[in-house]
Amino acid sequence: MDKINLDKYIEDLPKPSTNNSSQENLSHNVDDVWKIVSENLRLSLGHRDYSAWVEGIYLKKIENGVAIFSCPEQFKKDRIEKSHLRLFEKCLLDATGEKLHVSIKIQSSIERKNKKVQ
């Protein structure tokens, strides 16, 4: 198994804001948060479990203390909610500095098509 150069990944990851203003909830860049969360999930779960349960999922938005994820399959959604929900919450806390609840929605067929095109 190849070794991961963690220093390289850590340098490239966006850092969460340490600003304590009341606008903090509104300032999260979803793409930046997802980069941090997904990398932490990859390191925590390992390649095999990450590929099986997290690939194809993405963070749609963060609003009102809830991180809303989009998932391509009901089976993955159920497995994450049963076995990995606390890990998702911990990774979100590490990335944002906020305790967020996780909501996982199943992608519509239109959403899946649009994601493939991008």
PDB file of N, CA and C in Angstrom:
ATOM      1  N   MET A   1       0.839  -1.171   0.000  1.00  0.00           N
ATOM      2  CA  MET A   1       0.000   0.000   0.000  1.00  0.00           C
ATOM      3  C   MET A   1       0.888   1.240   0.000  1.00  0.00           C
ATOM      4  N   ASP A   2       0.531   2.207  -0.827  1.00  0.00           N
ATOM      5  CA  ASP A   2       1.308   3.428  -0.929  1.00  0.00           C
ATOM      6  C   ASP A   2       1.119   4.282   0.324  1.00  0.00           C
ATOM      7  N   LYS A   3       2.195   4.949   0.715  1.00  0.00           N
ATOM      8  CA  LYS A   3       2.107   5.862   1.847  1.00  0.00           C
ATOM      9  C   LYS A   3       1.546   7.191   1.372  1.00  0.00           C
ATOM     10  N   ILE A   4       0.756   7.800   2.213  1.00  0.00           N
ATOM     11  CA  ILE A   4       0.163   9.098   1.903  1.00  0.00           C
ATOM     12  C   ILE A   4       1.040  10.177   2.522  1.00  0.00           C
ATOM     13  N   ASN A   5       1.371  11.169   1.727  1.00  0.00           N
ATOM     14  CA  ASN A   5       2.125  12.308   2.226  1.00  0.00           C
ATOM     15  C   ASN A   5       1.129  13.281   2.848  1.00  0.00           C
ATOM     16  N   LEU A   6       0.898  13.151   4.160  1.00  0.00           N
ATOM     17  CA  LEU A   6      -0.098  13.964   4.845  1.00  0.00           C
ATOM     18  C   LEU A   6       0.230  15.444   4.812  1.00  0.00           C
ATOM     19  N   ASP A   7       1.506  15.782   4.868  1.00  0.00           N
ATOM     20  CA  ASP A   7       1.887  17.193   4.849  1.00  0.00           C
ATOM     21  C   ASP A   7       1.400  17.873   3.571  1.00  0.00           C
ATOM     22  N   LYS A   8       1.498  17.156   2.449  1.00  0.00           N
ATOM     23  CA  LYS A   8       1.046  17.707   1.170  1.00  0.00           C
ATOM     24  C   LYS A   8      -0.454  17.962   1.209  1.00  0.00           C
ATOM     25  N   TYR A   9      -1.222  16.990   1.714  1.00  0.00           N
ATOM     26  CA  TYR A   9      -2.673  17.147   1.785  1.00  0.00           C
ATOM     27  C   TYR A   9      -3.069  18.265   2.743  1.00  0.00           C
ATOM     28  N   ILE A  10      -2.413  18.336   3.881  1.00  0.00           N
ATOM     29  CA  ILE A  10      -2.753  19.343   4.880  1.00  0.00           C
ATOM     30  C   ILE A  10      -2.501  20.744   4.345  1.00  0.00           C
ATOM     31  N   GLU A  11      -1.394  20.931   3.613  1.00  0.00           N
ATOM     32  CA  GLU A  11      -1.091  22.230   3.020  1.00  0.00           C
ATOM     33  C   GLU A  11      -2.185  22.673   2.063  1.00  0.00           C
ATOM     34  N   ASP A  12      -2.690  21.731   1.251  1.00  0.00           N
ATOM     35  CA  ASP A  12      -3.645  22.059   0.205  1.00  0.00           C
ATOM     36  C   ASP A  12      -5.077  22.223   0.697  1.00  0.00           C
ATOM     37  N   LEU A  13      -5.388  21.709   1.887  1.00  0.00           N
ATOM     38  CA  LEU A  13      -6.759  21.797   2.393  1.00  0.00           C
ATOM     39  C   LEU A  13      -7.063  23.204   2.880  1.00  0.00           C
ATOM     40  N   PRO A  14      -8.252  23.697   2.567  1.00  0.00           N
ATOM     41  CA  PRO A  14      -8.638  25.004   3.103  1.00  0.00           C
ATOM     42  C   PRO A  14      -8.799  24.919   4.612  1.00  0.00           C
ATOM     43  N   LYS A  15      -8.457  25.981   5.285  1.00  0.00           N
ATOM     44  CA  LYS A  15      -8.548  26.021   6.739  1.00  0.00           C
ATOM     45  C   LYS A  15      -9.896  26.608   7.149  1.00  0.00           C
ATOM     46  N   PRO A  16     -10.528  26.060   8.186  1.00  0.00           N
ATOM     47  CA  PRO A  16     -11.791  26.638   8.652  1.00  0.00           C
ATOM     48  C   PRO A  16     -11.564  28.018   9.248  1.00  0.00           C
ATOM     49  N   SER A  17     -12.562  28.833   9.141  1.00  0.00           N
ATOM     50  CA  SER A  17     -12.489  30.184   9.681  1.00  0.00           C
ATOM     51  C   SER A  17     -12.500  30.133  11.202  1.00  0.00           C
ATOM     52  N   THR A  18     -11.709  30.983  11.822  1.00  0.00           N
ATOM     53  CA  THR A  18     -11.717  31.076  13.281  1.00  0.00           C
ATOM     54  C   THR A  18     -12.462  32.327  13.725  1.00  0.00           C
ATOM     55  N   ASN A  19     -13.130  32.977  12.784  1.00  0.00           N
ATOM     56  CA  ASN A  19     -13.912  34.169  13.065  1.00  0.00           C
ATOM     57  C   ASN A  19     -15.129  33.780  13.903  1.00  0.00           C
ATOM     58  N   ASN A  20     -15.357  34.440  15.024  1.00  0.00           N
ATOM     59  CA  ASN A  20     -16.467  34.111  15.909  1.00  0.00           C
ATOM     60  C   ASN A  20     -17.676  35.020  15.713  1.00  0.00           C
ATOM     61  N   SER A  21     -17.765  35.698  14.594  1.00  0.00           N
ATOM     62  CA  SER A  21     -18.886  36.602  14.369  1.00  0.00           C
ATOM     63  C   SER A  21     -20.177  35.825  14.179  1.00  0.00           C
ATOM     64  N   SER A  22     -21.295  36.512  14.313  1.00  0.00           N
ATOM     65  CA  SER A  22     -22.596  35.877  14.145  1.00  0.00           C
ATOM     66  C   SER A  22     -22.844  35.499  12.689  1.00  0.00           C
ATOM     67  N   GLN A  23     -22.059  36.006  11.773  1.00  0.00           N
ATOM     68  CA  GLN A  23     -22.208  35.685  10.356  1.00  0.00           C
ATOM     69  C   GLN A  23     -21.506  34.389   9.980  1.00  0.00           C
ATOM     70  N   GLU A  24     -20.867  33.732  10.929  1.00  0.00           N
ATOM     71  CA  GLU A  24     -20.064  32.548  10.637  1.00  0.00           C
ATOM     72  C   GLU A  24     -20.857  31.469   9.922  1.00  0.00           C
ATOM     73  N   ASN A  25     -22.100  31.210  10.338  1.00  0.00           N
ATOM     74  CA  ASN A  25     -22.918  30.178   9.707  1.00  0.00           C
ATOM     75  C   ASN A  25     -23.122  30.443   8.229  1.00  0.00           C
ATOM     76  N   LEU A  26     -23.177  31.718   7.855  1.00  0.00           N
ATOM     77  CA  LEU A  26     -23.472  32.075   6.476  1.00  0.00           C
ATOM     78  C   LEU A  26     -22.237  32.052   5.589  1.00  0.00           C
ATOM     79  N   SER A  27     -21.059  31.980   6.183  1.00  0.00           N
ATOM     80  CA  SER A  27     -19.840  32.157   5.410  1.00  0.00           C
ATOM     81  C   SER A  27     -19.189  30.865   4.939  1.00  0.00           C
ATOM     82  N   HIS A  28     -19.748  29.712   5.285  1.00  0.00           N
ATOM     83  CA  HIS A  28     -19.118  28.462   4.900  1.00  0.00           C
ATOM     84  C   HIS A  28     -19.200  28.257   3.390  1.00  0.00           C
ATOM     85  N   ASN A  29     -18.059  28.031   2.785  1.00  0.00           N
ATOM     86  CA  ASN A  29     -18.035  27.641   1.389  1.00  0.00           C
ATOM     87  C   ASN A  29     -18.198  26.129   1.371  1.00  0.00           C
ATOM     88  N   VAL A  30     -19.304  25.676   0.802  1.00  0.00           N
ATOM     89  CA  VAL A  30     -19.655  24.254   0.849  1.00  0.00           C
ATOM     90  C   VAL A  30     -18.579  23.396   0.194  1.00  0.00           C
ATOM     91  N   ASP A  31     -18.027  23.853  -0.918  1.00  0.00           N
ATOM     92  CA  ASP A  31     -16.990  23.070  -1.599  1.00  0.00           C
ATOM     93  C   ASP A  31     -15.742  22.920  -0.730  1.00  0.00           C
ATOM     94  N   ASP A  32     -15.340  24.002  -0.072  1.00  0.00           N
ATOM     95  CA  ASP A  32     -14.165  23.937   0.801  1.00  0.00           C
ATOM     96  C   ASP A  32     -14.417  23.021   2.001  1.00  0.00           C
ATOM     97  N   VAL A  33     -15.594  23.140   2.589  1.00  0.00           N
ATOM     98  CA  VAL A  33     -15.935  22.277   3.731  1.00  0.00           C
ATOM     99  C   VAL A  33     -15.944  20.819   3.287  1.00  0.00           C
ATOM    100  N   TRP A  34     -16.522  20.542   2.113  1.00  0.00           N
ATOM    101  CA  TRP A  34     -16.584  19.156   1.634  1.00  0.00           C
ATOM    102  C   TRP A  34     -15.187  18.604   1.365  1.00  0.00           C
ATOM    103  N   LYS A  35     -14.275  19.424   0.867  1.00  0.00           N
ATOM    104  CA  LYS A  35     -12.901  18.951   0.644  1.00  0.00           C
ATOM    105  C   LYS A  35     -12.271  18.485   1.957  1.00  0.00           C
ATOM    106  N   ILE A  36     -12.463  19.258   2.998  1.00  0.00           N
ATOM    107  CA  ILE A  36     -11.895  18.906   4.303  1.00  0.00           C
ATOM    108  C   ILE A  36     -12.582  17.667   4.865  1.00  0.00           C
ATOM    109  N   VAL A  37     -13.910  17.675   4.837  1.00  0.00           N
ATOM    110  CA  VAL A  37     -14.680  16.552   5.398  1.00  0.00           C
ATOM    111  C   VAL A  37     -14.359  15.263   4.656  1.00  0.00           C
ATOM    112  N   SER A  38     -14.373  15.309   3.326  1.00  0.00           N
ATOM    113  CA  SER A  38     -14.142  14.077   2.564  1.00  0.00           C
ATOM    114  C   SER A  38     -12.730  13.542   2.768  1.00  0.00           C
ATOM    115  N   GLU A  39     -11.760  14.428   2.891  1.00  0.00           N
ATOM    116  CA  GLU A  39     -10.389  13.956   3.134  1.00  0.00           C
ATOM    117  C   GLU A  39     -10.272  13.333   4.520  1.00  0.00           C
ATOM    118  N   ASN A  40     -10.917  13.936   5.511  1.00  0.00           N
ATOM    119  CA  ASN A  40     -10.907  13.348   6.860  1.00  0.00           C
ATOM    120  C   ASN A  40     -11.640  12.008   6.882  1.00  0.00           C
ATOM    121  N   LEU A  41     -12.740  11.908   6.143  1.00  0.00           N
ATOM    122  CA  LEU A  41     -13.448  10.630   6.039  1.00  0.00           C
ATOM    123  C   LEU A  41     -12.570   9.580   5.383  1.00  0.00           C
ATOM    124  N   ARG A  42     -11.856   9.967   4.325  1.00  0.00           N
ATOM    125  CA  ARG A  42     -10.970   9.036   3.622  1.00  0.00           C
ATOM    126  C   ARG A  42      -9.881   8.512   4.558  1.00  0.00           C
ATOM    127  N   LEU A  43      -9.305   9.405   5.344  1.00  0.00           N
ATOM    128  CA  LEU A  43      -8.246   8.998   6.272  1.00  0.00           C
ATOM    129  C   LEU A  43      -8.802   8.125   7.408  1.00  0.00           C
ATOM    130  N   SER A  44     -10.003   8.433   7.876  1.00  0.00           N
ATOM    131  CA  SER A  44     -10.600   7.681   8.977  1.00  0.00           C
ATOM    132  C   SER A  44     -11.122   6.315   8.553  1.00  0.00           C
ATOM    133  N   LEU A  45     -11.761   6.256   7.389  1.00  0.00           N
ATOM    134  CA  LEU A  45     -12.388   5.016   6.937  1.00  0.00           C
ATOM    135  C   LEU A  45     -11.442   4.081   6.202  1.00  0.00           C
ATOM    136  N   GLY A  46     -10.427   4.633   5.581  1.00  0.00           N
ATOM    137  CA  GLY A  46      -9.568   3.831   4.723  1.00  0.00           C
ATOM    138  C   GLY A  46     -10.124   3.809   3.310  1.00  0.00           C
ATOM    139  N   HIS A  47      -9.291   3.415   2.374  1.00  0.00           N
ATOM    140  CA  HIS A  47      -9.649   3.481   0.957  1.00  0.00           C
ATOM    141  C   HIS A  47     -10.872   2.626   0.617  1.00  0.00           C
ATOM    142  N   ARG A  48     -10.904   1.401   1.100  1.00  0.00           N
ATOM    143  CA  ARG A  48     -11.983   0.473   0.731  1.00  0.00           C
ATOM    144  C   ARG A  48     -13.349   0.972   1.217  1.00  0.00           C
ATOM    145  N   ASP A  49     -13.457   1.308   2.505  1.00  0.00           N
ATOM    146  CA  ASP A  49     -14.741   1.773   3.037  1.00  0.00           C
ATOM    147  C   ASP A  49     -15.129   3.135   2.462  1.00  0.00           C
ATOM    148  N   TYR A  50     -14.141   3.999   2.256  1.00  0.00           N
ATOM    149  CA  TYR A  50     -14.440   5.297   1.647  1.00  0.00           C
ATOM    150  C   TYR A  50     -15.038   5.089   0.254  1.00  0.00           C
ATOM    151  N   SER A  51     -14.404   4.237  -0.540  1.00  0.00           N
ATOM    152  CA  SER A  51     -14.907   3.967  -1.894  1.00  0.00           C
ATOM    153  C   SER A  51     -16.309   3.375  -1.863  1.00  0.00           C
ATOM    154  N   ALA A  52     -16.549   2.482  -0.928  1.00  0.00           N
ATOM    155  CA  ALA A  52     -17.840   1.807  -0.849  1.00  0.00           C
ATOM    156  C   ALA A  52     -18.957   2.732  -0.370  1.00  0.00           C
ATOM    157  N   TRP A  53     -18.682   3.588   0.611  1.00  0.00           N
ATOM    158  CA  TRP A  53     -19.767   4.312   1.267  1.00  0.00           C
ATOM    159  C   TRP A  53     -19.795   5.808   1.019  1.00  0.00           C
ATOM    160  N   VAL A  54     -18.687   6.428   0.643  1.00  0.00           N
ATOM    161  CA  VAL A  54     -18.670   7.890   0.544  1.00  0.00           C
ATOM    162  C   VAL A  54     -18.587   8.389  -0.897  1.00  0.00           C
ATOM    163  N   GLU A  55     -17.924   7.654  -1.774  1.00  0.00           N
ATOM    164  CA  GLU A  55     -17.833   8.116  -3.158  1.00  0.00           C
ATOM    165  C   GLU A  55     -19.221   8.267  -3.750  1.00  0.00           C
ATOM    166  N   GLY A  56     -19.418   9.361  -4.476  1.00  0.00           N
ATOM    167  CA  GLY A  56     -20.715   9.652  -5.072  1.00  0.00           C
ATOM    168  C   GLY A  56     -21.583  10.546  -4.208  1.00  0.00           C
ATOM    169  N   ILE A  57     -21.176  10.764  -2.976  1.00  0.00           N
ATOM    170  CA  ILE A  57     -21.900  11.639  -2.058  1.00  0.00           C
ATOM    171  C   ILE A  57     -21.238  13.011  -2.098  1.00  0.00           C
ATOM    172  N   TYR A  58     -22.033  14.057  -1.940  1.00  0.00           N
ATOM    173  CA  TYR A  58     -21.444  15.386  -1.835  1.00  0.00           C
ATOM    174  C   TYR A  58     -22.280  16.255  -0.907  1.00  0.00           C
ATOM    175  N   LEU A  59     -21.663  17.299  -0.412  1.00  0.00           N
ATOM    176  CA  LEU A  59     -22.313  18.249   0.480  1.00  0.00           C
ATOM    177  C   LEU A  59     -23.028  19.288  -0.368  1.00  0.00           C
ATOM    178  N   LYS A  60     -24.354  19.349  -0.263  1.00  0.00           N
ATOM    179  CA  LYS A  60     -25.150  20.293  -1.052  1.00  0.00           C
ATOM    180  C   LYS A  60     -25.155  21.675  -0.438  1.00  0.00           C
ATOM    181  N   LYS A  61     -25.451  21.733   0.869  1.00  0.00           N
ATOM    182  CA  LYS A  61     -25.512  23.037   1.530  1.00  0.00           C
ATOM    183  C   LYS A  61     -25.487  22.866   3.036  1.00  0.00           C
ATOM    184  N   ILE A  62     -25.190  23.988   3.687  1.00  0.00           N
ATOM    185  CA  ILE A  62     -25.234  24.062   5.144  1.00  0.00           C
ATOM    186  C   ILE A  62     -26.175  25.207   5.478  1.00  0.00           C
ATOM    187  N   GLU A  63     -27.226  24.890   6.225  1.00  0.00           N
ATOM    188  CA  GLU A  63     -28.152  25.941   6.630  1.00  0.00           C
ATOM    189  C   GLU A  63     -28.836  25.574   7.938  1.00  0.00           C
ATOM    190  N   ASN A  64     -29.023  26.574   8.776  1.00  0.00           N
ATOM    191  CA  ASN A  64     -29.732  26.398  10.044  1.00  0.00           C
ATOM    192  C   ASN A  64     -29.178  25.253  10.891  1.00  0.00           C
ATOM    193  N   GLY A  65     -27.859  25.108  10.915  1.00  0.00           N
ATOM    194  CA  GLY A  65     -27.233  24.081  11.742  1.00  0.00           C
ATOM    195  C   GLY A  65     -27.319  22.672  11.182  1.00  0.00           C
ATOM    196  N   VAL A  66     -27.678  22.553   9.893  1.00  0.00           N
ATOM    197  CA  VAL A  66     -27.806  21.247   9.259  1.00  0.00           C
ATOM    198  C   VAL A  66     -26.942  21.202   8.001  1.00  0.00           C
ATOM    199  N   ALA A  67     -26.124  20.151   7.908  1.00  0.00           N
ATOM    200  CA  ALA A  67     -25.347  19.898   6.690  1.00  0.00           C
ATOM    201  C   ALA A  67     -26.149  18.907   5.860  1.00  0.00           C
ATOM    202  N   ILE A  68     -26.529  19.324   4.651  1.00  0.00           N
ATOM    203  CA  ILE A  68     -27.366  18.492   3.798  1.00  0.00           C
ATOM    204  C   ILE A  68     -26.495  17.855   2.723  1.00  0.00           C
ATOM    205  N   PHE A  69     -26.452  16.523   2.750  1.00  0.00           N
ATOM    206  CA  PHE A  69     -25.672  15.752   1.793  1.00  0.00           C
ATOM    207  C   PHE A  69     -26.596  15.142   0.749  1.00  0.00           C
ATOM    208  N   SER A  70     -26.058  14.949  -0.437  1.00  0.00           N
ATOM    209  CA  SER A  70     -26.787  14.269  -1.503  1.00  0.00           C
ATOM    210  C   SER A  70     -26.122  12.918  -1.733  1.00  0.00           C
ATOM    211  N   CYS A  71     -26.935  11.878  -1.798  1.00  0.00           N
ATOM    212  CA  CYS A  71     -26.449  10.507  -1.907  1.00  0.00           C
ATOM    213  C   CYS A  71     -27.128   9.831  -3.099  1.00  0.00           C
ATOM    214  N   PRO A  72     -26.391   9.064  -3.898  1.00  0.00           N
ATOM    215  CA  PRO A  72     -26.979   8.456  -5.088  1.00  0.00           C
ATOM    216  C   PRO A  72     -27.862   7.238  -4.831  1.00  0.00           C
ATOM    217  N   GLU A  73     -27.740   6.601  -3.671  1.00  0.00           N
ATOM    218  CA  GLU A  73     -28.452   5.339  -3.444  1.00  0.00           C
ATOM    219  C   GLU A  73     -29.004   5.252  -2.030  1.00  0.00           C
ATOM    220  N   GLN A  74     -30.177   4.681  -1.904  1.00  0.00           N
ATOM    221  CA  GLN A  74     -30.804   4.482  -0.604  1.00  0.00           C
ATOM    222  C   GLN A  74     -29.953   3.575   0.289  1.00  0.00           C
ATOM    223  N   PHE A  75     -29.351   2.541  -0.310  1.00  0.00           N
ATOM    224  CA  PHE A  75     -28.531   1.601   0.462  1.00  0.00           C
ATOM    225  C   PHE A  75     -27.360   2.315   1.130  1.00  0.00           C
ATOM    226  N   LYS A  76     -26.656   3.188   0.379  1.00  0.00           N
ATOM    227  CA  LYS A  76     -25.543   3.952   0.957  1.00  0.00           C
ATOM    228  C   LYS A  76     -26.040   4.872   2.066  1.00  0.00           C
ATOM    229  N   LYS A  77     -27.131   5.551   1.802  1.00  0.00           N
ATOM    230  CA  LYS A  77     -27.709   6.460   2.793  1.00  0.00           C
ATOM    231  C   LYS A  77     -28.000   5.718   4.095  1.00  0.00           C
ATOM    232  N   ASP A  78     -28.652   4.571   3.982  1.00  0.00           N
ATOM    233  CA  ASP A  78     -28.987   3.780   5.175  1.00  0.00           C
ATOM    234  C   ASP A  78     -27.735   3.343   5.921  1.00  0.00           C
ATOM    235  N   ARG A  79     -26.716   2.917   5.194  1.00  0.00           N
ATOM    236  CA  ARG A  79     -25.478   2.441   5.818  1.00  0.00           C
ATOM    237  C   ARG A  79     -24.756   3.584   6.542  1.00  0.00           C
ATOM    238  N   ILE A  80     -24.707   4.748   5.907  1.00  0.00           N
ATOM    239  CA  ILE A  80     -24.053   5.898   6.542  1.00  0.00           C
ATOM    240  C   ILE A  80     -24.801   6.289   7.807  1.00  0.00           C
ATOM    241  N   GLU A  81     -26.121   6.355   7.719  1.00  0.00           N
ATOM    242  CA  GLU A  81     -26.911   6.743   8.888  1.00  0.00           C
ATOM    243  C   GLU A  81     -26.767   5.728  10.028  1.00  0.00           C
ATOM    244  N   LYS A  82     -26.609   4.474   9.687  1.00  0.00           N
ATOM    245  CA  LYS A  82     -26.485   3.426  10.710  1.00  0.00           C
ATOM    246  C   LYS A  82     -25.076   3.345  11.294  1.00  0.00           C
ATOM    247  N   SER A  83     -24.051   3.449  10.438  1.00  0.00           N
ATOM    248  CA  SER A  83     -22.691   3.144  10.886  1.00  0.00           C
ATOM    249  C   SER A  83     -21.702   4.308  10.909  1.00  0.00           C
ATOM    250  N   HIS A  84     -21.961   5.368  10.146  1.00  0.00           N
ATOM    251  CA  HIS A  84     -20.936   6.403   9.992  1.00  0.00           C
ATOM    252  C   HIS A  84     -21.423   7.814  10.291  1.00  0.00           C
ATOM    253  N   LEU A  85     -22.627   7.963  10.796  1.00  0.00           N
ATOM    254  CA  LEU A  85     -23.191   9.292  11.020  1.00  0.00           C
ATOM    255  C   LEU A  85     -22.354  10.108  11.999  1.00  0.00           C
ATOM    256  N   ARG A  86     -21.929   9.497  13.090  1.00  0.00           N
ATOM    257  CA  ARG A  86     -21.112  10.219  14.099  1.00  0.00           C
ATOM    258  C   ARG A  86     -19.778  10.672  13.500  1.00  0.00           C
ATOM    259  N   LEU A  87     -19.201   9.848  12.628  1.00  0.00           N
ATOM    260  CA  LEU A  87     -17.951  10.231  11.987  1.00  0.00           C
ATOM    261  C   LEU A  87     -18.172  11.430  11.064  1.00  0.00           C
ATOM    262  N   PHE A  88     -19.264  11.437  10.310  1.00  0.00           N
ATOM    263  CA  PHE A  88     -19.595  12.593   9.465  1.00  0.00           C
ATOM    264  C   PHE A  88     -19.726  13.848  10.334  1.00  0.00           C
ATOM    265  N   GLU A  89     -20.435  13.728  11.461  1.00  0.00           N
ATOM    266  CA  GLU A  89     -20.614  14.879  12.350  1.00  0.00           C
ATOM    267  C   GLU A  89     -19.281  15.364  12.917  1.00  0.00           C
ATOM    268  N   LYS A  90     -18.405  14.437  13.285  1.00  0.00           N
ATOM    269  CA  LYS A  90     -17.095  14.818  13.824  1.00  0.00           C
ATOM    270  C   LYS A  90     -16.257  15.530  12.763  1.00  0.00           C
ATOM    271  N   CYS A  91     -16.275  14.997  11.541  1.00  0.00           N
ATOM    272  CA  CYS A  91     -15.513  15.619  10.458  1.00  0.00           C
ATOM    273  C   CYS A  91     -16.055  17.007  10.121  1.00  0.00           C
ATOM    274  N   LEU A  92     -17.364  17.174  10.197  1.00  0.00           N
ATOM    275  CA  LEU A  92     -17.959  18.501   9.982  1.00  0.00           C
ATOM    276  C   LEU A  92     -17.547  19.465  11.086  1.00  0.00           C
ATOM    277  N   LEU A  93     -17.541  18.991  12.319  1.00  0.00           N
ATOM    278  CA  LEU A  93     -17.109  19.824  13.448  1.00  0.00           C
ATOM    279  C   LEU A  93     -15.657  20.250  13.263  1.00  0.00           C
ATOM    280  N   ASP A  94     -14.804  19.314  12.862  1.00  0.00           N
ATOM    281  CA  ASP A  94     -13.391  19.634  12.629  1.00  0.00           C
ATOM    282  C   ASP A  94     -13.231  20.662  11.505  1.00  0.00           C
ATOM    283  N   ALA A  95     -14.064  20.583  10.482  1.00  0.00           N
ATOM    284  CA  ALA A  95     -13.936  21.461   9.313  1.00  0.00           C
ATOM    285  C   ALA A  95     -14.535  22.846   9.534  1.00  0.00           C
ATOM    286  N   THR A  96     -15.616  22.918  10.324  1.00  0.00           N
ATOM    287  CA  THR A  96     -16.329  24.186  10.459  1.00  0.00           C
ATOM    288  C   THR A  96     -16.223  24.820  11.837  1.00  0.00           C
ATOM    289  N   GLY A  97     -15.890  24.017  12.835  1.00  0.00           N
ATOM    290  CA  GLY A  97     -15.888  24.522  14.198  1.00  0.00           C
ATOM    291  C   GLY A  97     -17.290  24.562  14.790  1.00  0.00           C
ATOM    292  N   GLU A  98     -18.267  24.018  14.082  1.00  0.00           N
ATOM    293  CA  GLU A  98     -19.657  24.011  14.544  1.00  0.00           C
ATOM    294  C   GLU A  98     -20.175  22.589  14.649  1.00  0.00           C
ATOM    295  N   LYS A  99     -21.047  22.365  15.611  1.00  0.00           N
ATOM    296  CA  LYS A  99     -21.715  21.074  15.725  1.00  0.00           C
ATOM    297  C   LYS A  99     -22.927  21.120  14.803  1.00  0.00           C
ATOM    298  N   LEU A 100     -22.817  20.424  13.680  1.00  0.00           N
ATOM    299  CA  LEU A 100     -23.888  20.406  12.685  1.00  0.00           C
ATOM    300  C   LEU A 100     -24.581  19.053  12.687  1.00  0.00           C
ATOM    301  N   HIS A 101     -25.861  19.066  12.438  1.00  0.00           N
ATOM    302  CA  HIS A 101     -26.600  17.825  12.250  1.00  0.00           C
ATOM    303  C   HIS A 101     -26.459  17.424  10.793  1.00  0.00           C
ATOM    304  N   VAL A 102     -26.543  16.139  10.524  1.00  0.00           N
ATOM    305  CA  VAL A 102     -26.391  15.618   9.169  1.00  0.00           C
ATOM    306  C   VAL A 102     -27.754  15.170   8.650  1.00  0.00           C
ATOM    307  N   SER A 103     -28.066  15.621   7.440  1.00  0.00           N
ATOM    308  CA  SER A 103     -29.257  15.166   6.733  1.00  0.00           C
ATOM    309  C   SER A 103     -28.797  14.647   5.381  1.00  0.00           C
ATOM    310  N   ILE A 104     -29.206  13.435   5.043  1.00  0.00           N
ATOM    311  CA  ILE A 104     -28.794  12.834   3.774  1.00  0.00           C
ATOM    312  C   ILE A 104     -30.027  12.644   2.913  1.00  0.00           C
ATOM    313  N   LYS A 105     -29.995  13.226   1.730  1.00  0.00           N
ATOM    314  CA  LYS A 105     -31.103  13.141   0.782  1.00  0.00           C
ATOM    315  C   LYS A 105     -30.673  12.291  -0.408  1.00  0.00           C
ATOM    316  N   ILE A 106     -31.609  11.578  -0.979  1.00  0.00           N
ATOM    317  CA  ILE A 106     -31.336  10.789  -2.178  1.00  0.00           C
ATOM    318  C   ILE A 106     -31.375  11.714  -3.387  1.00  0.00           C
ATOM    319  N   GLN A 107     -30.358  11.593  -4.258  1.00  0.00           N
ATOM    320  CA  GLN A 107     -30.276  12.420  -5.470  1.00  0.00           C
ATOM    321  C   GLN A 107     -31.394  12.051  -6.434  1.00  0.00           C
ATOM    322  N   SER A 108     -31.935  13.070  -7.066  1.00  0.00           N
ATOM    323  CA  SER A 108     -32.883  12.819  -8.144  1.00  0.00           C
ATOM    324  C   SER A 108     -32.108  12.399  -9.387  1.00  0.00           C
ATOM    325  N   SER A 109     -32.780  11.819 -10.359  1.00  0.00           N
ATOM    326  CA  SER A 109     -32.098  11.404 -11.591  1.00  0.00           C
ATOM    327  C   SER A 109     -31.540  12.617 -12.328  1.00  0.00           C
ATOM    328  N   ILE A 110     -32.202  13.754 -12.264  1.00  0.00           N
ATOM    329  CA  ILE A 110     -31.707  14.980 -12.903  1.00  0.00           C
ATOM    330  C   ILE A 110     -30.435  15.450 -12.212  1.00  0.00           C
ATOM    331  N   GLU A 111     -30.425  15.379 -10.891  1.00  0.00           N
ATOM    332  CA  GLU A 111     -29.254  15.776 -10.110  1.00  0.00           C
ATOM    333  C   GLU A 111     -28.053  14.888 -10.448  1.00  0.00           C
ATOM    334  N   ARG A 112     -28.278  13.573 -10.592  1.00  0.00           N
ATOM    335  CA  ARG A 112     -27.188  12.664 -10.947  1.00  0.00           C
ATOM    336  C   ARG A 112     -26.639  12.981 -12.327  1.00  0.00           C
ATOM    337  N   LYS A 113     -27.508  13.280 -13.285  1.00  0.00           N
ATOM    338  CA  LYS A 113     -27.062  13.633 -14.636  1.00  0.00           C
ATOM    339  C   LYS A 113     -26.210  14.900 -14.611  1.00  0.00           C
ATOM    340  N   ASN A 114     -26.691  15.914 -13.909  1.00  0.00           N
ATOM    341  CA  ASN A 114     -25.959  17.182 -13.824  1.00  0.00           C
ATOM    342  C   ASN A 114     -24.611  17.001 -13.156  1.00  0.00           C
ATOM    343  N   LYS A 115     -24.518  16.164 -12.143  1.00  0.00           N
ATOM    344  CA  LYS A 115     -23.252  15.938 -11.451  1.00  0.00           C
ATOM    345  C   LYS A 115     -22.246  15.239 -12.359  1.00  0.00           C
ATOM    346  N   LYS A 116     -22.720  14.314 -13.226  1.00  0.00           N
ATOM    347  CA  LYS A 116     -21.829  13.618 -14.156  1.00  0.00           C
ATOM    348  C   LYS A 116     -21.274  14.558 -15.212  1.00  0.00           C
ATOM    349  N   VAL A 117     -22.084  15.534 -15.643  1.00  0.00           N
ATOM    350  CA  VAL A 117     -21.666  16.464 -16.682  1.00  0.00           C
ATOM    351  C   VAL A 117     -20.562  17.374 -16.184  1.00  0.00           C
ATOM    352  N   GLN A 118     -20.579  17.754 -14.909  1.00  0.00           N
ATOM    353  CA  GLN A 118     -19.600  18.702 -14.369  1.00  0.00           C
ATOM    354  C   GLN A 118     -18.245  18.161 -14.260  1.00  0.00           C
TER     355      GLN A 118
END
